[in-house]
Amino acid sequence: MKRFYLLTAIVMIASMVLTACGGGIETVDCSAADTFCAAEVTDLGGVNDKSFNASGWKGIQDANKEFGVGGKVLESSNQSDYAKNIQQLLDEDIDLIVTVGFLLGVDTAKAAIANPDQKFAIVDYGFPDCWPGAEVGVQCGTDQPLDNVRGLNFQTDEAAMLAGYLAAGMTKTGKVATFGGIQLPTVTIFMKGFEAGVKHYNAQKGTSVEVLGWDSASDSGSFTGNFDSQDDGRAFAESFVQEGADIIMPVAGPVGLGSAAVCKETGACMIIGVDADWFDTAAEYKDVTLTSVLKKIDVAVFNTVKDTKDGVFTGGSVMYTLKDGGVDLAPYHEFDSAVSSELKGEIDALKKAIIDGSVTVNDVLGL
């Protein structure tokens, strides 16, 4: 009887730990022989970044609710944690390992090559990823396709172009801004789209709204160098406001929350969120969140979990776009009445033009 109570207590404690670590997920024990389990390895922002890591974890949580699959998450505090966390999940015989972010590319490739029967998905990346002269396993992951890895990619510049057009139509100062965490393609793609939207607005309206923080022609802009310091987000927002910007789009995970705090405290700016709808995920700043550029990582991860569980997993890269709803612009929420019906109609028309290919980000930017 004592053994029974001890076992029950252990199970209860384990359940509480899983719930605490998993943001409330009612998980099935991943160690059970008949349990399908999916697990995430986060990038540096952590699972509560209210951005791409959180969105990936939501996909696993949604699969848990829908199919009863097991789920867990391992957070990375620094880049040296990537390989260790992936190896831990390999040792635990997890069915699907989801790695989140460009920076996990090399470590994911190494693990996938060494474990060809293990299924992986990686957010914002795809294989092969090498370029002429790159050292395989150091600067890039592999020069060959990996059938056991599904790359989940998003044409976020399309949705960001809508956000840029909106910002140009809403600014009172004639200046808007964007900045990134680290200068990675998955970050600058948002910034390019945002700039394209502003330029398209200027071309259509004969205006001269200025973008601070990014220039596609020179491939240069403002970057904090990290994805976690909200103090840096505050500093960048304060600087942009001093330069005259009244709408800011941070592409830097939790760093952007520092910018949102400045907007809320001063009333000098509005924020455009990225990845998730900040009206929901950062509700404390909903009164300064104009909209968000949605990258539906949760949907992509959910679909991959389902495919893997159903035995129809395929490798290669999947690209989510405006056309299939994988990227989009969030509602205007509390700013809905402030956005004119004329501007709303123009954004709807631009969305259709991007989908049918008559307007492209690169054409607008002259790239």
Protein backbone atom coordinates (compact mmCIF):
# COMPACT_ATOMS: atom_id res chain seq x y z
CA MET A 1 0.00 0.00 0.00
CA LYS A 2 2.85 2.41 0.83
CA ARG A 3 4.37 1.60 -2.54
CA PHE A 4 1.06 2.46 -4.21
CA TYR A 5 0.86 5.85 -2.49
CA LEU A 6 4.49 6.59 -3.33
CA LEU A 7 3.91 5.76 -6.99
CA THR A 8 0.76 7.90 -7.04
CA ALA A 9 2.63 10.84 -5.52
CA ILE A 10 5.41 10.53 -8.09
CA VAL A 11 2.90 10.52 -10.93
CA MET A 12 1.12 13.58 -9.49
CA ILE A 13 4.37 15.50 -9.08
CA ALA A 14 5.49 14.60 -12.60
CA SER A 15 2.15 15.78 -13.92
CA MET A 16 2.49 19.11 -12.13
CA VAL A 17 6.01 19.60 -13.47
CA LEU A 18 4.86 18.91 -17.02
CA THR A 19 2.00 21.35 -16.62
CA ALA A 20 4.23 24.06 -15.20
CA CYS A 21 6.86 23.68 -17.90
CA GLY A 22 4.37 23.32 -20.70
CA GLY A 23 2.22 26.37 -20.13
CA GLY A 24 -0.78 24.34 -18.98
CA ILE A 25 -0.67 21.47 -21.48
CA GLU A 26 -2.43 18.35 -20.25
CA THR A 27 0.21 16.05 -21.62
CA VAL A 28 0.22 12.30 -22.05
CA ASP A 29 3.27 10.61 -20.55
CA CYS A 30 5.84 10.61 -23.34
CA SER A 31 7.60 7.59 -21.87
CA ALA A 32 4.63 5.27 -22.44
CA ALA A 33 5.37 2.72 -25.16
CA ASP A 34 2.12 3.36 -27.04
CA THR A 35 2.24 7.16 -26.86
CA PHE A 36 3.13 9.33 -29.82
CA CYS A 37 5.22 12.23 -28.59
CA ALA A 38 6.30 15.49 -30.22
CA ALA A 39 8.83 17.81 -28.62
CA GLU A 40 10.20 21.27 -29.30
CA VAL A 41 13.69 22.67 -28.88
CA THR A 42 13.40 26.44 -28.57
CA ASP A 43 15.66 29.17 -29.79
CA LEU A 44 17.10 31.67 -27.32
CA GLY A 45 13.90 33.60 -26.64
CA GLY A 46 12.41 30.71 -24.67
CA VAL A 47 8.98 29.12 -24.86
CA ASN A 48 7.28 32.16 -23.32
CA ASP A 49 8.67 34.63 -25.87
CA LYS A 50 5.13 35.47 -27.05
CA SER A 51 6.52 34.98 -30.54
CA PHE A 52 7.88 32.13 -32.68
CA ASN A 53 8.91 29.72 -29.88
CA ALA A 54 5.54 30.12 -28.18
CA SER A 55 3.73 29.68 -31.49
CA GLY A 56 5.58 26.43 -32.22
CA TRP A 57 4.73 25.11 -28.77
CA LYS A 58 1.10 26.07 -29.31
CA GLY A 59 1.07 23.78 -32.36
CA ILE A 60 2.11 20.85 -30.18
CA GLN A 61 -0.40 21.86 -27.50
CA ASP A 62 -3.17 21.99 -30.10
CA ALA A 63 -2.20 18.50 -31.29
CA ASN A 64 -2.36 17.34 -27.69
CA LYS A 65 -5.90 18.67 -27.37
CA GLU A 66 -6.97 17.29 -30.75
CA PHE A 67 -5.26 13.90 -30.79
CA GLY A 68 -4.03 13.28 -27.23
CA VAL A 69 -0.38 13.13 -28.33
CA GLY A 70 2.38 13.59 -25.78
CA GLY A 71 4.27 16.85 -25.81
CA LYS A 72 7.24 18.49 -24.18
CA VAL A 73 9.57 21.42 -24.70
CA LEU A 74 13.25 21.98 -23.96
CA GLU A 75 14.38 25.59 -23.72
CA SER A 76 17.75 26.81 -24.98
CA SER A 77 19.56 29.42 -22.89
CA ASN A 78 22.49 29.71 -25.29
CA GLN A 79 23.53 28.26 -28.63
CA SER A 80 25.53 25.47 -27.01
CA ASP A 81 22.22 24.09 -25.69
CA TYR A 82 20.87 23.29 -29.16
CA ALA A 83 22.81 20.07 -29.76
CA LYS A 84 22.42 18.95 -26.13
CA ASN A 85 18.66 19.44 -26.16
CA ILE A 86 18.28 17.63 -29.49
CA GLN A 87 20.38 14.74 -28.18
CA GLN A 88 18.27 14.51 -25.03
CA LEU A 89 15.14 14.10 -27.14
CA LEU A 90 16.87 11.51 -29.32
CA ASP A 91 17.78 9.57 -26.17
CA GLU A 92 14.15 9.74 -25.07
CA ASP A 93 12.96 8.26 -28.39
CA ILE A 94 10.66 11.17 -29.23
CA ASP A 95 8.63 10.58 -32.41
CA LEU A 96 8.92 14.10 -33.84
CA ILE A 97 11.52 16.69 -32.86
CA VAL A 98 10.68 20.27 -33.78
CA THR A 99 13.51 22.79 -33.71
CA VAL A 100 12.66 26.47 -33.89
CA GLY A 101 14.72 28.98 -35.76
CA PHE A 102 17.46 29.61 -38.27
CA LEU A 103 20.20 29.28 -35.66
CA LEU A 104 19.38 25.59 -35.07
CA GLY A 105 19.99 24.65 -38.71
CA VAL A 106 23.44 23.09 -38.44
CA ASP A 107 22.72 21.13 -35.26
CA THR A 108 19.43 19.86 -36.67
CA ALA A 109 21.14 18.67 -39.86
CA LYS A 110 23.87 16.87 -37.91
CA ALA A 111 21.31 15.05 -35.79
CA ALA A 112 19.12 14.19 -38.79
CA ILE A 113 22.05 12.77 -40.76
CA ALA A 114 23.20 10.68 -37.80
CA ASN A 115 19.64 9.44 -37.12
CA PRO A 116 17.98 8.86 -40.51
CA ASP A 117 14.94 7.11 -38.98
CA GLN A 118 14.14 10.04 -36.70
CA LYS A 119 11.56 12.58 -37.94
CA PHE A 120 12.41 16.28 -37.57
CA ALA A 121 10.78 19.57 -38.43
CA ILE A 122 12.57 22.91 -38.35
CA VAL A 123 10.93 26.32 -38.36
CA ASP A 124 12.32 28.97 -40.71
CA TYR A 125 14.85 26.72 -42.38
CA GLY A 126 15.30 24.05 -45.02
CA PHE A 127 17.89 21.68 -46.50
CA PRO A 128 20.15 21.59 -48.41
CA ASP A 129 21.45 24.85 -47.00
CA CYS A 130 25.08 25.00 -48.15
CA TRP A 131 26.59 27.51 -50.54
CA PRO A 132 29.82 27.36 -52.56
CA GLY A 133 32.76 27.34 -50.19
CA ALA A 134 30.72 26.71 -47.04
CA GLU A 135 32.03 24.02 -44.68
CA VAL A 136 29.44 21.30 -44.15
CA GLY A 137 28.62 20.82 -40.48
CA VAL A 138 30.16 24.15 -39.52
CA GLN A 139 28.81 27.00 -41.64
CA CYS A 140 25.94 24.99 -43.08
CA GLY A 141 24.16 21.75 -42.30
CA THR A 142 24.23 19.73 -45.51
CA ASP A 143 24.57 19.99 -49.27
CA GLN A 144 22.06 17.15 -49.73
CA PRO A 145 18.27 16.95 -49.22
CA LEU A 146 17.19 15.33 -45.95
CA ASP A 147 14.14 13.13 -46.31
CA ASN A 148 13.62 12.95 -42.55
CA VAL A 149 13.40 16.72 -42.06
CA ARG A 150 10.51 18.99 -42.98
CA GLY A 151 11.42 22.66 -43.28
CA LEU A 152 8.59 24.99 -42.27
CA ASN A 153 9.03 28.29 -44.07
CA PHE A 154 6.92 31.41 -44.36
CA GLN A 155 6.69 34.15 -46.99
CA THR A 156 6.36 36.76 -44.25
CA ASP A 157 7.43 39.60 -46.52
CA GLU A 158 4.00 39.34 -48.18
CA ALA A 159 2.13 40.00 -44.95
CA ALA A 160 4.72 42.54 -43.80
CA MET A 161 4.12 44.48 -47.02
CA LEU A 162 0.50 44.90 -45.95
CA ALA A 163 1.72 46.11 -42.55
CA GLY A 164 4.06 48.63 -44.19
CA TYR A 165 1.25 49.98 -46.35
CA LEU A 166 -0.95 50.28 -43.26
CA ALA A 167 1.79 52.06 -41.32
CA ALA A 168 2.35 54.53 -44.15
CA GLY A 169 -1.36 55.25 -44.23
CA MET A 170 -1.62 55.71 -40.46
CA THR A 171 1.51 57.68 -39.56
CA LYS A 172 1.02 61.26 -38.41
CA THR A 173 4.71 62.17 -38.54
CA GLY A 174 5.62 60.76 -41.93
CA LYS A 175 8.17 58.42 -40.34
CA VAL A 176 7.84 54.75 -39.40
CA ALA A 177 10.48 52.32 -38.16
CA THR A 178 11.50 48.70 -37.97
CA PHE A 179 14.42 46.90 -36.36
CA GLY A 180 15.58 43.33 -35.86
CA GLY A 181 17.16 41.14 -33.23
CA ILE A 182 19.93 39.53 -35.29
CA GLN A 183 20.50 40.08 -39.00
CA LEU A 184 19.21 36.75 -40.24
CA PRO A 185 17.19 36.13 -43.42
CA THR A 186 14.17 35.13 -41.32
CA VAL A 187 14.33 38.54 -39.62
CA THR A 188 15.15 40.79 -42.55
CA ILE A 189 12.39 39.26 -44.68
CA PHE A 190 9.88 41.05 -42.41
CA MET A 191 11.82 44.30 -42.68
CA LYS A 192 12.05 44.10 -46.46
CA GLY A 193 8.31 43.51 -46.75
CA PHE A 194 7.59 46.42 -44.39
CA GLU A 195 9.77 48.77 -46.44
CA ALA A 196 8.11 47.56 -49.66
CA GLY A 197 4.68 48.34 -48.24
CA VAL A 198 5.70 51.88 -47.38
CA LYS A 199 7.28 52.40 -50.80
CA HIS A 200 4.19 51.04 -52.54
CA TYR A 201 2.02 53.44 -50.54
CA ASN A 202 4.27 56.34 -51.50
CA ALA A 203 4.11 55.35 -55.16
CA GLN A 204 0.32 55.07 -55.08
CA LYS A 205 -0.30 58.22 -53.07
CA GLY A 206 2.51 60.53 -54.09
CA THR A 207 3.70 60.74 -50.47
CA SER A 208 7.17 60.44 -48.98
CA VAL A 209 6.78 58.40 -45.80
CA GLU A 210 10.23 57.48 -44.51
CA VAL A 211 11.33 54.10 -43.12
CA LEU A 212 13.87 54.20 -40.30
CA GLY A 213 15.89 51.14 -39.29
CA TRP A 214 16.16 49.27 -42.58
CA ASP A 215 17.30 49.81 -46.17
CA SER A 216 16.94 46.91 -48.60
CA ALA A 217 19.18 48.47 -51.25
CA SER A 218 22.19 48.36 -48.93
CA ASP A 219 20.97 45.32 -46.98
CA SER A 220 21.60 47.18 -43.74
CA GLY A 221 19.63 48.34 -40.75
CA SER A 222 19.23 48.44 -36.99
CA PHE A 223 19.72 45.26 -34.94
CA THR A 224 19.94 44.74 -31.19
CA GLY A 225 22.16 41.66 -31.56
CA ASN A 226 19.86 39.51 -29.41
CA PHE A 227 16.32 38.23 -29.02
CA ASP A 228 15.86 38.62 -25.27
CA SER A 229 16.80 42.07 -23.93
CA GLN A 230 13.68 44.17 -23.44
CA ASP A 231 15.97 46.99 -22.31
CA ASP A 232 17.38 47.06 -25.84
CA GLY A 233 13.84 47.16 -27.20
CA ARG A 234 13.12 50.18 -25.02
CA ALA A 235 16.30 51.94 -26.11
CA PHE A 236 15.65 51.37 -29.81
CA ALA A 237 12.05 52.59 -29.53
CA GLU A 238 13.09 55.69 -27.63
CA SER A 239 15.68 56.46 -30.29
CA PHE A 240 13.23 55.99 -33.17
CA VAL A 241 10.63 58.18 -31.45
CA GLN A 242 13.26 60.89 -31.00
CA GLU A 243 13.91 60.66 -34.75
CA GLY A 244 10.20 61.19 -35.39
CA ALA A 245 8.80 57.66 -35.91
CA ASP A 246 5.32 57.06 -34.51
CA ILE A 247 4.83 53.43 -35.67
CA ILE A 248 7.44 50.73 -34.94
CA MET A 249 7.66 47.10 -36.05
CA PRO A 250 10.21 45.16 -33.94
CA VAL A 251 11.31 41.81 -35.39
CA ALA A 252 13.13 40.58 -32.32
CA GLY A 253 10.99 38.29 -30.19
CA PRO A 254 10.67 39.44 -26.56
CA VAL A 255 12.94 42.43 -27.31
CA GLY A 256 9.94 44.03 -29.00
CA LEU A 257 7.98 44.01 -25.77
CA GLY A 258 10.37 46.66 -24.47
CA SER A 259 9.43 48.81 -27.46
CA ALA A 260 5.74 48.24 -26.78
CA ALA A 261 6.27 49.39 -23.19
CA VAL A 262 7.73 52.67 -24.41
CA CYS A 263 4.75 53.23 -26.70
CA LYS A 264 2.32 52.52 -23.88
CA GLU A 265 4.10 54.69 -21.34
CA THR A 266 4.62 57.67 -23.63
CA GLY A 267 1.70 57.48 -26.03
CA ALA A 268 4.18 58.56 -28.70
CA CYS A 269 3.98 55.49 -30.92
CA MET A 270 2.08 52.42 -32.00
CA ILE A 271 3.46 48.89 -32.35
CA ILE A 272 3.10 46.34 -35.12
CA GLY A 273 3.72 42.87 -33.68
CA VAL A 274 5.19 39.92 -35.53
CA ASP A 275 4.72 36.14 -35.60
CA ALA A 276 1.64 35.96 -33.35
CA ASP A 277 -1.21 38.42 -32.79
CA TRP A 278 0.19 40.61 -30.03
CA PHE A 279 -3.35 41.74 -29.13
CA ASP A 280 -3.75 38.23 -27.68
CA THR A 281 -0.21 37.18 -26.75
CA ALA A 282 0.92 40.53 -25.30
CA ALA A 283 -2.47 41.78 -24.18
CA GLU A 284 -0.94 44.27 -21.76
CA TYR A 285 0.02 46.28 -24.85
CA LYS A 286 -3.18 45.83 -26.84
CA ASP A 287 -3.99 49.54 -26.59
CA VAL A 288 -0.84 50.40 -28.60
CA THR A 289 -0.84 47.39 -30.97
CA LEU A 290 -2.03 48.55 -34.38
CA THR A 291 -1.86 45.06 -35.90
CA SER A 292 0.53 42.12 -36.19
CA VAL A 293 2.22 40.30 -39.05
CA LEU A 294 1.09 36.72 -38.53
CA LYS A 295 3.39 33.79 -39.18
CA LYS A 296 1.25 30.77 -38.39
CA ILE A 297 3.95 28.53 -37.01
CA ASP A 298 1.39 26.83 -34.79
CA VAL A 299 -0.58 25.66 -37.83
CA ALA A 300 2.55 24.39 -39.59
CA VAL A 301 3.73 22.49 -36.51
CA PHE A 302 0.24 21.08 -35.86
CA ASN A 303 0.02 19.83 -39.46
CA THR A 304 3.45 18.21 -39.18
CA VAL A 305 2.59 16.49 -35.90
CA LYS A 306 -0.62 15.16 -37.49
CA ASP A 307 1.18 13.95 -40.62
CA THR A 308 3.86 12.21 -38.57
CA LYS A 309 1.31 10.55 -36.30
CA ASP A 310 -0.76 9.46 -39.33
CA GLY A 311 2.32 7.97 -41.04
CA VAL A 312 2.27 10.39 -43.99
CA PHE A 313 5.24 12.56 -43.01
CA THR A 314 7.25 13.93 -45.93
CA GLY A 315 10.56 15.74 -45.85
CA GLY A 316 11.58 18.75 -47.89
CA SER A 317 10.47 22.34 -47.46
CA VAL A 318 6.93 23.67 -47.17
CA MET A 319 6.33 27.37 -47.88
CA TYR A 320 3.33 29.07 -46.28
CA THR A 321 2.03 32.21 -48.03
CA LEU A 322 -0.78 34.77 -48.06
CA LYS A 323 -2.60 32.60 -50.58
CA ASP A 324 -2.89 29.58 -48.28
CA GLY A 325 -3.33 31.66 -45.12
CA GLY A 326 0.00 30.64 -43.62
CA VAL A 327 0.90 34.32 -43.24
CA ASP A 328 -1.51 37.21 -42.84
CA LEU A 329 -2.21 40.55 -41.24
CA ALA A 330 -4.00 40.43 -37.90
CA PRO A 331 -7.20 42.41 -37.27
CA TYR A 332 -6.83 46.05 -36.22
CA HIS A 333 -8.73 45.34 -32.99
CA GLU A 334 -8.95 48.53 -30.90
CA PHE A 335 -7.68 50.60 -33.83
CA ASP A 336 -10.33 49.30 -36.23
CA SER A 337 -12.35 52.51 -36.17
CA ALA A 338 -9.18 54.58 -36.66
CA VAL A 339 -8.32 52.80 -39.93
CA SER A 340 -10.39 54.42 -42.65
CA SER A 341 -12.59 52.33 -44.90
CA GLU A 342 -10.57 53.68 -47.83
CA LEU A 343 -7.29 52.42 -46.34
CA LYS A 344 -8.85 49.07 -45.45
CA GLY A 345 -10.01 48.69 -49.05
CA GLU A 346 -6.57 49.52 -50.41
CA ILE A 347 -4.95 46.93 -48.14
CA ASP A 348 -7.49 44.32 -49.25
CA ALA A 349 -6.72 45.16 -52.88
CA LEU A 350 -2.98 44.95 -52.24
CA LYS A 351 -3.44 41.55 -50.62
CA LYS A 352 -5.23 40.28 -53.74
CA ALA A 353 -2.51 41.74 -55.97
CA ILE A 354 0.23 40.01 -53.97
CA ILE A 355 -1.65 36.72 -54.15
CA ASP A 356 -2.15 36.90 -57.89
CA GLY A 357 1.45 38.02 -58.43
CA SER A 358 0.73 41.39 -60.00
CA VAL A 359 2.58 43.09 -57.12
CA THR A 360 5.72 41.63 -55.56
CA VAL A 361 8.01 42.79 -52.79
CA ASN A 362 11.15 42.54 -54.92
CA ASP A 363 9.65 44.49 -57.81
CA VAL A 364 8.60 47.30 -55.49
CA LEU A 365 12.06 47.37 -53.92
CA GLY A 366 13.78 47.12 -57.29
CA LEU A 367 15.68 43.99 -56.28
